[in-house]
Protein backbone atom coordinates (compact mmCIF):
# COMPACT_ATOMS: atom_id res chain seq x y z
CA MET A 1 23.35 -45.51 -37.55
CA GLU A 2 19.75 -46.34 -38.33
CA HIS A 3 17.67 -47.80 -35.51
CA GLU A 4 14.31 -49.48 -35.91
CA PHE A 5 11.77 -49.48 -33.09
CA THR A 6 8.08 -48.95 -32.44
CA LEU A 7 6.46 -46.58 -29.96
CA ILE A 8 3.03 -47.46 -28.58
CA LEU A 9 0.84 -44.38 -28.08
CA GLY A 10 -2.08 -43.59 -25.84
CA GLY A 11 -4.38 -40.59 -25.86
CA VAL A 12 -5.05 -40.82 -29.59
CA GLU A 13 -8.13 -42.78 -30.53
CA ASP A 14 -8.53 -41.98 -34.20
CA LEU A 15 -5.86 -41.71 -36.84
CA THR A 16 -7.25 -38.64 -38.52
CA ARG A 17 -5.41 -36.83 -41.27
CA GLU A 18 -4.79 -33.99 -38.81
CA VAL A 19 -3.12 -36.31 -36.26
CA VAL A 20 -0.91 -37.97 -38.87
CA ASP A 21 0.04 -34.61 -40.40
CA ALA A 22 0.85 -33.12 -36.98
CA LEU A 23 3.10 -36.08 -36.12
CA TYR A 24 4.82 -35.79 -39.49
CA GLU A 25 5.35 -32.03 -39.09
CA ALA A 26 6.71 -32.51 -35.55
CA GLY A 27 9.54 -34.68 -36.86
CA CYS A 28 8.01 -38.14 -37.08
CA ASP A 29 8.51 -38.17 -40.84
CA ASP A 30 10.77 -41.21 -40.47
CA GLY A 31 7.97 -43.20 -38.87
CA LEU A 32 5.02 -45.14 -40.15
CA VAL A 33 1.87 -44.47 -38.14
CA GLY A 34 -0.61 -47.31 -37.75
CA ARG A 35 -3.31 -48.76 -35.59
CA GLN A 36 -3.49 -52.39 -34.52
CA PHE A 37 -5.53 -54.11 -31.82
CA GLY A 38 -6.99 -50.73 -30.85
CA ARG A 39 -3.57 -49.12 -30.27
CA VAL A 40 -1.93 -46.40 -32.27
CA HIS A 41 1.75 -46.99 -32.88
CA ILE A 42 4.58 -45.49 -34.87
CA THR A 43 7.33 -47.66 -36.30
CA PHE A 44 10.51 -45.66 -36.80
CA ALA A 45 13.67 -46.13 -38.83
CA ARG A 46 15.62 -43.28 -37.22
CA GLU A 47 19.17 -42.12 -37.70
CA ALA A 48 20.93 -41.44 -34.39
CA PRO A 49 24.24 -42.25 -32.69
CA SER A 50 22.53 -44.81 -30.41
CA LEU A 51 19.21 -46.57 -29.95
CA LYS A 52 18.64 -44.54 -26.78
CA ASP A 53 19.13 -41.26 -28.67
CA ALA A 54 16.80 -42.43 -31.44
CA ILE A 55 14.05 -43.42 -29.00
CA LEU A 56 14.31 -40.26 -26.89
CA SER A 57 14.24 -37.99 -29.94
CA ALA A 58 11.18 -39.84 -31.27
CA ILE A 59 9.41 -39.45 -27.92
CA ARG A 60 10.18 -35.71 -27.99
CA ASP A 61 8.80 -35.45 -31.52
CA VAL A 62 5.57 -37.27 -30.59
CA MET A 63 5.07 -34.97 -27.59
CA ARG A 64 5.87 -31.90 -29.69
CA ALA A 65 3.09 -32.80 -32.16
CA GLY A 66 0.50 -31.54 -29.67
CA VAL A 67 -2.15 -34.10 -30.60
CA GLY A 68 -2.69 -35.36 -27.06
CA ALA A 69 -0.58 -38.47 -27.61
CA ASP A 70 1.27 -40.07 -24.73
CA VAL A 71 4.05 -42.51 -25.41
CA LEU A 72 3.16 -45.60 -23.38
CA ARG A 73 6.19 -47.74 -24.18
CA VAL A 74 8.77 -48.89 -26.64
CA ASP A 75 7.25 -52.01 -28.18
CA THR A 76 9.93 -54.36 -26.97
CA CYS A 77 8.99 -57.02 -24.51
CA ASP A 78 11.15 -56.64 -21.41
CA LEU A 79 10.08 -60.10 -20.24
CA VAL A 80 11.53 -63.14 -22.00
CA THR A 81 11.12 -66.90 -21.89
CA GLN A 82 13.87 -69.50 -22.26
CA SER A 83 12.91 -69.78 -25.93
CA ASP A 84 13.08 -66.00 -26.42
CA ILE A 85 16.56 -65.94 -24.89
CA GLY A 86 17.67 -68.77 -27.16
CA ARG A 87 16.37 -66.97 -30.25
CA LYS A 88 18.09 -63.72 -29.27
CA ILE A 89 21.49 -65.41 -28.96
CA GLY A 90 21.12 -68.10 -31.62
CA ARG A 91 21.17 -71.01 -29.17
CA SER A 92 18.64 -73.72 -28.35
CA ARG A 93 16.11 -73.47 -25.54
CA GLN A 94 17.69 -76.58 -24.04
CA LEU A 95 21.14 -74.96 -23.91
CA VAL A 96 19.63 -71.87 -22.30
CA HIS A 97 17.99 -74.17 -19.74
CA GLN A 98 21.44 -75.55 -18.93
CA TYR A 99 22.74 -72.00 -18.38
CA ILE A 100 19.76 -71.27 -16.14
CA THR A 101 20.29 -74.38 -14.02
CA GLY A 102 24.07 -73.95 -13.88
CA GLN A 103 24.78 -77.20 -15.74
CA ARG A 104 26.73 -75.15 -18.28
CA GLY A 105 28.32 -71.74 -18.29
CA SER A 106 29.76 -69.75 -15.43
CA GLY A 107 26.73 -70.04 -13.14
CA GLY A 108 24.90 -67.13 -11.59
CA PHE A 109 22.22 -66.87 -14.29
CA PRO A 110 19.61 -64.29 -13.20
CA SER A 111 16.52 -65.56 -11.44
CA PRO A 112 13.14 -65.23 -13.17
CA VAL A 113 11.03 -62.26 -12.14
CA CYS A 114 7.50 -63.58 -12.61
CA SER A 115 5.34 -66.61 -13.42
CA ILE A 116 7.74 -68.63 -11.29
CA THR A 117 5.04 -70.83 -9.73
CA GLU A 118 3.17 -71.43 -13.00
CA GLY A 119 6.00 -73.33 -14.66
CA LYS A 120 6.48 -70.72 -17.39
CA PRO A 121 9.00 -68.37 -15.77
CA LEU A 122 9.87 -65.03 -17.31
CA TRP A 123 13.14 -63.15 -17.02
CA MET A 124 13.90 -59.45 -17.38
CA TRP A 125 15.77 -59.11 -20.66
CA CYS A 126 18.12 -56.43 -19.30
CA GLU A 127 19.20 -58.75 -16.44
CA VAL A 128 19.74 -61.66 -18.81
CA ALA A 129 21.61 -59.36 -21.21
CA ALA A 130 24.01 -58.41 -18.40
CA TRP A 131 24.76 -62.09 -17.75
CA LEU A 132 25.09 -62.81 -21.47
CA HIS A 133 27.49 -59.89 -21.89
CA ALA A 134 29.58 -60.97 -18.92
CA ASN A 135 29.85 -64.43 -20.50
CA GLY A 136 30.71 -63.22 -24.00
CA PHE A 137 27.41 -64.01 -25.75
CA ILE A 138 26.45 -60.45 -26.65
CA GLY A 139 28.40 -57.25 -27.16
CA GLU A 140 28.51 -54.03 -25.16
CA GLU A 141 26.08 -52.25 -27.49
CA ASP A 142 23.44 -54.97 -27.14
CA LEU A 143 23.75 -54.82 -23.36
CA ARG A 144 23.50 -51.04 -23.33
CA ASP A 145 20.44 -51.10 -25.65
CA ALA A 146 18.68 -53.63 -23.38
CA GLN A 147 19.39 -51.51 -20.30
CA HIS A 148 18.32 -48.27 -21.97
CA VAL A 149 15.05 -49.67 -23.33
CA ALA A 150 14.23 -51.17 -19.91
CA ALA A 151 14.87 -47.83 -18.19
CA ILE A 152 12.86 -45.87 -20.77
CA ASN A 153 9.93 -48.31 -20.51
CA SER A 154 10.04 -48.17 -16.70
CA VAL A 155 9.79 -44.39 -16.68
CA LEU A 156 7.05 -44.38 -19.33
CA GLU A 157 5.08 -46.98 -17.35
CA ALA A 158 5.44 -45.00 -14.10
CA GLN A 159 4.25 -41.88 -15.91
CA HIS A 160 1.27 -43.78 -17.32
CA GLN A 161 0.36 -45.17 -13.88
CA LYS A 162 0.62 -41.68 -12.43
CA HIS A 163 -2.04 -40.52 -14.92
CA LEU A 164 -4.28 -43.50 -14.09
CA ASP A 165 -4.06 -43.27 -10.31
CA PRO A 166 -2.00 -40.32 -9.05
CA ARG A 167 -2.66 -40.97 -5.34
CA LEU A 168 -1.64 -44.61 -5.47
CA THR A 169 1.47 -43.78 -7.49
CA GLU A 170 2.51 -41.12 -4.96
CA GLU A 171 1.82 -43.52 -2.09
CA VAL A 172 4.03 -46.20 -3.63
CA LEU A 173 6.78 -43.72 -4.45
CA GLU A 174 6.76 -42.50 -0.85
CA LEU A 175 6.90 -46.06 0.44
CA VAL A 176 9.89 -47.05 -1.70
CA GLY A 177 11.70 -43.78 -1.09
CA SER A 178 11.80 -42.23 -4.54
């Protein structure tokens, strides 16, 4: 299967011919390298058995290029609004609101994770995907993809924070027991 996704890179400021060639030679020949809003990114159309396999192999290829690039994240927003949820499942924002409030559906919709007090709550897509799957709105593969991308982005973010402030990262990891 072909999977489309974008990796956001750090550590590469300029898209020189040498950088692009090194990425291509390392296996990123199925990706289009670009720069937008000051960030280098690669958009892939990669053949792999699963989205997870496609993303992990692309990360390996970027690291293998040896150009100093760090993969910061998969460019998929893990946080979603009511409207985002509606778009993803082909339902209205109003119907999603009814699921959230328990007026419709089986109840137990996940709680928002941030911006709760500002009136524009955001939910973790992987948590919503689990509820949607349990209620027959999305298939097993969509659920698995949401969970895998969330896990990959979490690890990439932790790695990035460790580079930015190693002491603080270690302190937090000790506190939470990881």
